[in-house]
C-alpha cells in the first residue's frame, strides 16, 4: 500500500495488496456461509433430550382401542412413546412418519419434508397429545391437528417444526427396528400401523391391472395384488412419486416389509402394505 499527493489531495494506493484484500473477503464469505448453514441445521433438527425419556401414561394400542375409528380432540395431558419405523427418503411416505411400541403403531402427520433427517428410523420419541387430534386412516391411528370440517382426512398436518417441537420430544435412544414376520391369515386390525414382513408372495400382474389405479406394466407404482402360498391376498401400495415406482416387480417369490394398513379396494376389504423403499422387497430362496 502506498500514499501519494496530487494538488493537496491524498490518495491511498491499494494495488500493491489487492490480492490480500480479495483473500480476506473470500475467507470472510466462507465464515459467514458456515454460520448460516449451521443455523439452518440447528433449526431443522431439534435438540435431543436426555437419555431418560419422560414417562408415558398410555400405550399406543390402548389409545387406539379407546378411540376406535372415531376422530377425537385431545385436551388432557396424554403422553405416548414409540420408535420411528418409517422413512420418507424414498418419497413413498409424504410429510408423515410412523412410530410403534409393543402394542400398536401410529402415523404422525408431520407436514414437513425430509422427516427422515429429523426423526430417523429407530429413534425413540414421546408425543404430548394435549392439543392434538386423533383419528383413523386406512386402519392406522393418525395423530395431527384438528382438521377442517371439509377435509377428507381425520386430522391435519402439524406443518411446522415449531409445532412439532411443541408436541414431540426426541431422545438419544435408538434401536434396530425389526419387522414382525407374519402370514396374511394371521393379520388383525390391531396390527395396522406396525412394521410387518409377509412372504412368500407372488405378484398377480393381471389382477393388479384391473384395480382402480392398478398397475398395468408390472412396476411398483400404484396398487398391486400379491398372493401367498395359501391363496390369501394382500395389496401393496406405492406412490407414483416414489423413487422406485418405475422399477419392475420381481416375477419370483418375494417377501415384503412395510407398514400394515387396511382399506377397501373395488368394494372389497384388503390388508395393505406400504413399503419404505425398494429394499423392503427381498427374494425368497
Protein backbone atom coordinates (compact mmCIF):
# COMPACT_ATOMS: atom_id res chain seq x y z
CA UNK A 1 0.00 0.00 0.00
CA UNK A 2 1.36 3.42 -0.92
CA UNK A 3 0.38 7.08 -0.14
CA UNK A 4 0.94 9.94 -2.56
CA UNK A 5 -0.20 13.56 -3.03
CA UNK A 6 -1.73 15.30 -6.05
CA UNK A 7 -2.53 19.01 -5.68
CA UNK A 8 -3.30 18.90 -1.95
CA UNK A 9 -5.28 15.64 -2.26
CA UNK A 10 -4.24 12.41 -0.63
CA UNK A 11 -4.68 9.06 -2.42
CA UNK A 12 -4.10 5.63 -0.97
CA UNK A 13 -2.80 3.03 -3.38
CA UNK A 14 -4.25 -0.47 -2.66
CA UNK A 15 -2.90 -2.12 -5.77
CA UNK A 16 0.15 -3.48 -4.01
CA UNK A 17 -2.01 -5.55 -1.62
CA UNK A 18 -5.10 -6.15 -3.77
CA UNK A 19 -4.54 -9.92 -3.58
CA UNK A 20 -4.51 -9.83 0.22
CA UNK A 21 -7.75 -7.82 0.25
CA UNK A 22 -9.52 -10.29 -2.05
CA UNK A 23 -8.29 -13.23 0.01
CA UNK A 24 -9.61 -11.58 3.17
CA UNK A 25 -13.04 -11.11 1.61
CA UNK A 26 -13.06 -14.73 0.41
CA UNK A 27 -12.30 -16.04 3.89
CA UNK A 28 -14.96 -13.79 5.40
CA UNK A 29 -17.54 -15.11 2.95
CA UNK A 30 -16.68 -18.72 3.86
CA UNK A 31 -17.09 -17.97 7.58
CA UNK A 32 -20.45 -16.23 7.11
CA UNK A 33 -21.74 -19.07 4.91
CA UNK A 34 -20.72 -21.64 7.52
CA UNK A 35 -22.55 -19.73 10.25
CA UNK A 36 -25.69 -19.52 8.09
CA UNK A 37 -25.68 -23.26 7.29
CA UNK A 38 -25.10 -24.17 10.92
CA UNK A 39 -28.06 -22.01 11.94
CA UNK A 40 -30.31 -23.73 9.40
CA UNK A 41 -29.22 -27.18 10.53
CA UNK A 42 -29.88 -26.33 14.16
CA UNK A 43 -33.42 -25.29 13.28
CA UNK A 44 -34.19 -28.30 11.11
CA UNK A 45 -33.04 -30.79 13.71
CA UNK A 46 -34.49 -30.12 17.17
CA UNK A 47 -32.11 -30.86 20.03
CA UNK A 48 -32.07 -34.34 21.53
CA UNK A 49 -33.42 -34.71 25.04
CA UNK A 50 -31.56 -36.63 27.71
CA UNK A 51 -31.31 -40.41 27.58
CA UNK A 52 -34.06 -40.63 30.22
CA UNK A 53 -37.42 -40.12 28.46
CA UNK A 54 -40.46 -38.59 30.10
CA UNK A 55 -42.99 -41.09 31.39
CA UNK A 56 -45.84 -42.20 29.15
CA UNK A 57 -49.31 -42.78 30.60
CA UNK A 58 -50.93 -44.92 27.91
CA UNK A 59 -49.77 -47.35 25.24
CA UNK A 60 -50.40 -46.78 21.54
CA UNK A 61 -52.52 -49.92 21.36
CA UNK A 62 -54.72 -48.95 24.31
CA UNK A 63 -55.20 -45.44 22.94
CA UNK A 64 -56.22 -46.79 19.53
CA UNK A 65 -58.64 -49.21 21.16
CA UNK A 66 -60.23 -46.40 23.20
CA UNK A 67 -60.63 -44.12 20.18
CA UNK A 68 -61.52 -46.76 17.61
CA UNK A 69 -62.38 -45.24 14.25
CA UNK A 70 -63.66 -42.00 15.81
CA UNK A 71 -61.89 -38.66 15.48
CA UNK A 72 -61.24 -37.18 18.91
CA UNK A 73 -59.75 -33.87 20.03
CA UNK A 74 -57.39 -34.36 22.98
CA UNK A 75 -57.48 -31.81 25.80
CA UNK A 76 -55.77 -33.86 28.52
CA UNK A 77 -52.12 -34.47 29.31
CA UNK A 78 -51.78 -37.80 27.50
CA UNK A 79 -48.30 -38.94 26.52
CA UNK A 80 -47.37 -41.87 24.29
CA UNK A 81 -43.96 -43.13 23.25
CA UNK A 82 -42.56 -45.22 20.45
CA UNK A 83 -39.76 -45.88 17.99
CA UNK A 84 -39.77 -44.45 14.47
CA UNK A 85 -40.45 -47.21 11.91
CA UNK A 86 -40.77 -45.41 8.57
CA UNK A 87 -38.77 -43.08 6.31
CA UNK A 88 -39.75 -40.61 3.60
CA UNK A 89 -36.31 -40.68 1.98
CA UNK A 90 -37.60 -42.73 -0.99
CA UNK A 91 -40.72 -40.49 -1.11
CA UNK A 92 -43.27 -43.27 -0.68
CA UNK A 93 -44.27 -41.59 2.57
CA UNK A 94 -45.30 -37.96 2.19
CA UNK A 95 -44.92 -35.50 5.08
CA UNK A 96 -45.63 -38.16 7.68
CA UNK A 97 -43.89 -40.94 9.57
CA UNK A 98 -44.90 -43.84 11.78
CA UNK A 99 -43.98 -44.93 15.29
CA UNK A 100 -44.75 -48.06 17.26
CA UNK A 101 -44.44 -49.57 20.71
CA UNK A 102 -45.01 -53.19 21.69
CA UNK A 103 -48.80 -52.76 21.45
CA UNK A 104 -49.50 -50.82 18.25
CA UNK A 105 -48.50 -48.23 15.69
CA UNK A 106 -49.47 -44.67 14.76
CA UNK A 107 -48.92 -42.22 11.90
CA UNK A 108 -47.66 -38.74 12.80
CA UNK A 109 -48.89 -36.03 10.42
CA UNK A 110 -45.68 -34.01 10.42
CA UNK A 111 -46.45 -31.79 7.42
CA UNK A 112 -42.77 -31.15 6.68
CA UNK A 113 -40.38 -32.66 4.14
CA UNK A 114 -37.40 -34.94 4.81
CA UNK A 115 -38.60 -36.21 8.17
CA UNK A 116 -36.01 -39.00 7.88
CA UNK A 117 -33.34 -36.41 8.75
CA UNK A 118 -35.21 -35.15 11.81
CA UNK A 119 -36.75 -38.41 13.03
CA UNK A 120 -34.55 -41.26 11.75
CA UNK A 121 -35.73 -44.86 11.84
CA UNK A 122 -35.09 -46.38 15.26
CA UNK A 123 -35.22 -43.09 17.20
CA UNK A 124 -37.31 -43.09 20.37
CA UNK A 125 -39.90 -40.30 20.68
CA UNK A 126 -42.52 -39.23 23.15
CA UNK A 127 -45.57 -37.32 21.95
CA UNK A 128 -47.60 -34.94 24.10
CA UNK A 129 -51.13 -35.23 22.75
CA UNK A 130 -52.78 -32.31 24.54
CA UNK A 131 -53.98 -30.03 21.73
CA UNK A 132 -53.80 -32.78 19.09
CA UNK A 133 -56.50 -34.70 17.25
CA UNK A 134 -56.59 -38.46 16.80
CA UNK A 135 -58.38 -40.29 14.00
CA UNK A 136 -58.07 -43.39 11.88
CA UNK A 137 -56.98 -43.62 8.25
CA UNK A 138 -56.63 -46.94 6.40
CA UNK A 139 -56.94 -48.65 9.78
CA UNK A 140 -53.97 -46.75 11.22
CA UNK A 141 -54.31 -44.39 14.18
CA UNK A 142 -53.38 -40.94 12.89
CA UNK A 143 -52.10 -38.09 15.08
CA UNK A 144 -52.17 -34.46 13.97
CA UNK A 145 -54.04 -31.22 14.47
CA UNK A 146 -57.79 -30.69 14.21
CA UNK A 147 -58.88 -30.99 10.59
CA UNK A 148 -61.18 -28.53 8.84
CA UNK A 149 -64.81 -29.59 8.52
CA UNK A 150 -64.45 -30.03 4.75
CA UNK A 151 -61.26 -32.14 4.98
CA UNK A 152 -61.28 -35.69 3.64
CA UNK A 153 -58.75 -36.68 6.31
CA UNK A 154 -59.40 -37.20 10.03
CA UNK A 155 -56.54 -34.94 11.14
CA UNK A 156 -54.46 -32.09 9.73
CA UNK A 157 -50.69 -31.71 9.36
CA UNK A 158 -48.67 -30.00 12.10
CA UNK A 159 -47.00 -28.27 9.14
CA UNK A 160 -44.21 -26.51 11.03
CA UNK A 161 -41.18 -27.57 13.03
CA UNK A 162 -42.23 -25.20 15.81
CA UNK A 163 -45.48 -27.09 16.36
CA UNK A 164 -43.76 -30.45 16.03
CA UNK A 165 -41.23 -29.44 18.69
CA UNK A 166 -44.10 -28.41 20.97
CA UNK A 167 -45.58 -31.92 20.91
CA UNK A 168 -42.66 -34.26 20.11
CA UNK A 169 -39.54 -34.98 22.14
CA UNK A 170 -36.57 -36.82 20.57
CA UNK A 171 -34.23 -38.85 22.74
CA UNK A 172 -30.71 -40.14 22.39
CA UNK A 173 -32.13 -43.66 22.43
CA UNK A 174 -32.15 -45.81 19.32
CA UNK A 175 -32.65 -49.44 18.44
CA UNK A 176 -32.63 -51.56 15.33
CA UNK A 177 -36.19 -51.91 14.08
CA UNK A 178 -37.14 -55.45 13.10
CA UNK A 179 -40.49 -56.15 11.38
CA UNK A 180 -42.86 -58.77 12.72
CA UNK A 181 -42.82 -61.85 10.44
CA UNK A 182 -46.46 -62.71 9.76
CA UNK A 183 -48.76 -64.56 7.38
CA UNK A 184 -51.75 -62.89 5.72
CA UNK A 185 -54.20 -65.22 7.50
CA UNK A 186 -52.90 -64.09 10.92
CA UNK A 187 -53.29 -60.34 10.30
CA UNK A 188 -55.68 -58.37 12.52
CA UNK A 189 -56.77 -54.71 12.78
CA UNK A 190 -54.69 -54.01 15.90
CA UNK A 191 -51.52 -54.59 13.82
CA UNK A 192 -52.30 -51.69 11.46
CA UNK A 193 -49.63 -49.03 11.70
CA UNK A 194 -46.93 -51.53 12.68
CA UNK A 195 -43.93 -52.72 10.70
CA UNK A 196 -44.51 -56.23 9.35
CA UNK A 197 -42.86 -58.69 6.98
CA UNK A 198 -45.02 -61.01 4.88
CA UNK A 199 -43.97 -63.75 2.49
CA UNK A 200 -43.52 -65.74 0.41
CA UNK A 201 -45.68 -63.75 -2.03
CA UNK A 202 -46.12 -63.80 -5.77
CA UNK A 203 -47.22 -60.80 -7.84
CA UNK A 204 -50.57 -61.17 -9.61
CA UNK A 205 -49.88 -58.91 -12.57
CA UNK A 206 -53.12 -59.48 -14.50
CA UNK A 207 -55.32 -58.98 -11.45
CA UNK A 208 -53.37 -55.86 -10.45
CA UNK A 209 -54.16 -54.26 -13.81
CA UNK A 210 -57.91 -54.48 -13.08
CA UNK A 211 -57.73 -52.46 -9.85
CA UNK A 212 -58.55 -48.78 -9.60
CA UNK A 213 -55.17 -47.08 -10.03
CA UNK A 214 -53.79 -50.57 -10.55
CA UNK A 215 -50.54 -51.24 -12.31
CA UNK A 216 -50.61 -52.46 -15.91
CA UNK A 217 -46.88 -52.66 -16.64
CA UNK A 218 -45.55 -54.74 -13.76
CA UNK A 219 -43.93 -51.80 -11.93
CA UNK A 220 -44.32 -50.87 -8.29
CA UNK A 221 -46.21 -47.60 -8.83
CA UNK A 222 -49.91 -47.71 -7.88
CA UNK A 223 -51.72 -50.70 -6.37
CA UNK A 224 -50.52 -54.27 -6.84
CA UNK A 225 -52.05 -57.55 -5.66
CA UNK A 226 -49.89 -60.30 -4.16
CA UNK A 227 -50.87 -63.83 -3.18
CA UNK A 228 -49.26 -66.24 -0.71
CA UNK A 229 -48.96 -70.00 -1.00
CA UNK A 230 -52.28 -70.48 0.80
CA UNK A 231 -54.15 -68.33 -1.71
CA UNK A 232 -54.56 -65.34 0.66
CA UNK A 233 -54.17 -61.94 -0.96
CA UNK A 234 -52.73 -58.60 0.10
CA UNK A 235 -52.25 -55.27 -1.68
CA UNK A 236 -49.06 -53.23 -1.82
CA UNK A 237 -49.39 -49.50 -2.49
CA UNK A 238 -46.56 -47.40 -3.93
CA UNK A 239 -46.79 -43.70 -4.70
CA UNK A 240 -46.03 -42.72 -8.28
CA UNK A 241 -43.56 -40.22 -6.77
CA UNK A 242 -41.53 -42.92 -5.00
CA UNK A 243 -38.02 -43.17 -6.43
CA UNK A 244 -38.55 -46.88 -7.16
CA UNK A 245 -42.09 -46.56 -8.61
CA UNK A 246 -40.96 -47.44 -12.14
CA UNK A 247 -38.86 -50.42 -11.16
CA UNK A 248 -40.13 -53.85 -12.21
CA UNK A 249 -41.61 -56.14 -9.57
CA UNK A 250 -39.73 -59.47 -9.40
CA UNK A 251 -41.55 -62.38 -11.01
CA UNK A 252 -40.15 -64.80 -8.42
CA UNK A 253 -41.43 -65.28 -4.88
CA UNK A 254 -40.64 -62.38 -2.58
CA UNK A 255 -41.13 -61.19 0.99
CA UNK A 256 -42.32 -57.63 1.61
CA UNK A 257 -41.69 -55.40 4.62
CA UNK A 258 -43.71 -52.29 5.33
CA UNK A 259 -46.34 -50.53 7.40
CA UNK A 260 -49.58 -52.51 7.61
CA UNK A 261 -52.83 -50.81 6.60
CA UNK A 262 -56.38 -51.90 5.84
CA UNK A 263 -58.91 -50.45 3.41
CA UNK A 264 -61.37 -51.03 0.61
CA UNK A 265 -60.32 -51.67 -2.94
CA UNK A 266 -63.05 -52.17 -5.56
CA UNK A 267 -65.60 -52.55 -2.71
CA UNK A 268 -63.60 -55.36 -1.08
CA UNK A 269 -61.65 -55.17 2.19
CA UNK A 270 -57.93 -55.86 1.94
CA UNK A 271 -54.93 -55.62 4.18
CA UNK A 272 -52.30 -53.44 2.54
CA UNK A 273 -48.58 -52.84 2.96
CA UNK A 274 -46.82 -49.55 2.38
CA UNK A 275 -43.11 -50.11 1.76
CA UNK A 276 -40.50 -47.57 2.82
CA UNK A 277 -38.15 -48.16 -0.12
CA UNK A 278 -37.17 -50.84 -2.63
CA UNK A 279 -35.03 -52.61 -0.03
CA UNK A 280 -38.26 -53.65 1.70
CA UNK A 281 -38.67 -56.24 -1.07
CA UNK A 282 -36.47 -59.31 -0.81
CA UNK A 283 -36.36 -62.55 -2.81
CA UNK A 284 -37.27 -65.82 -1.14
CA UNK A 285 -34.97 -68.79 -1.62
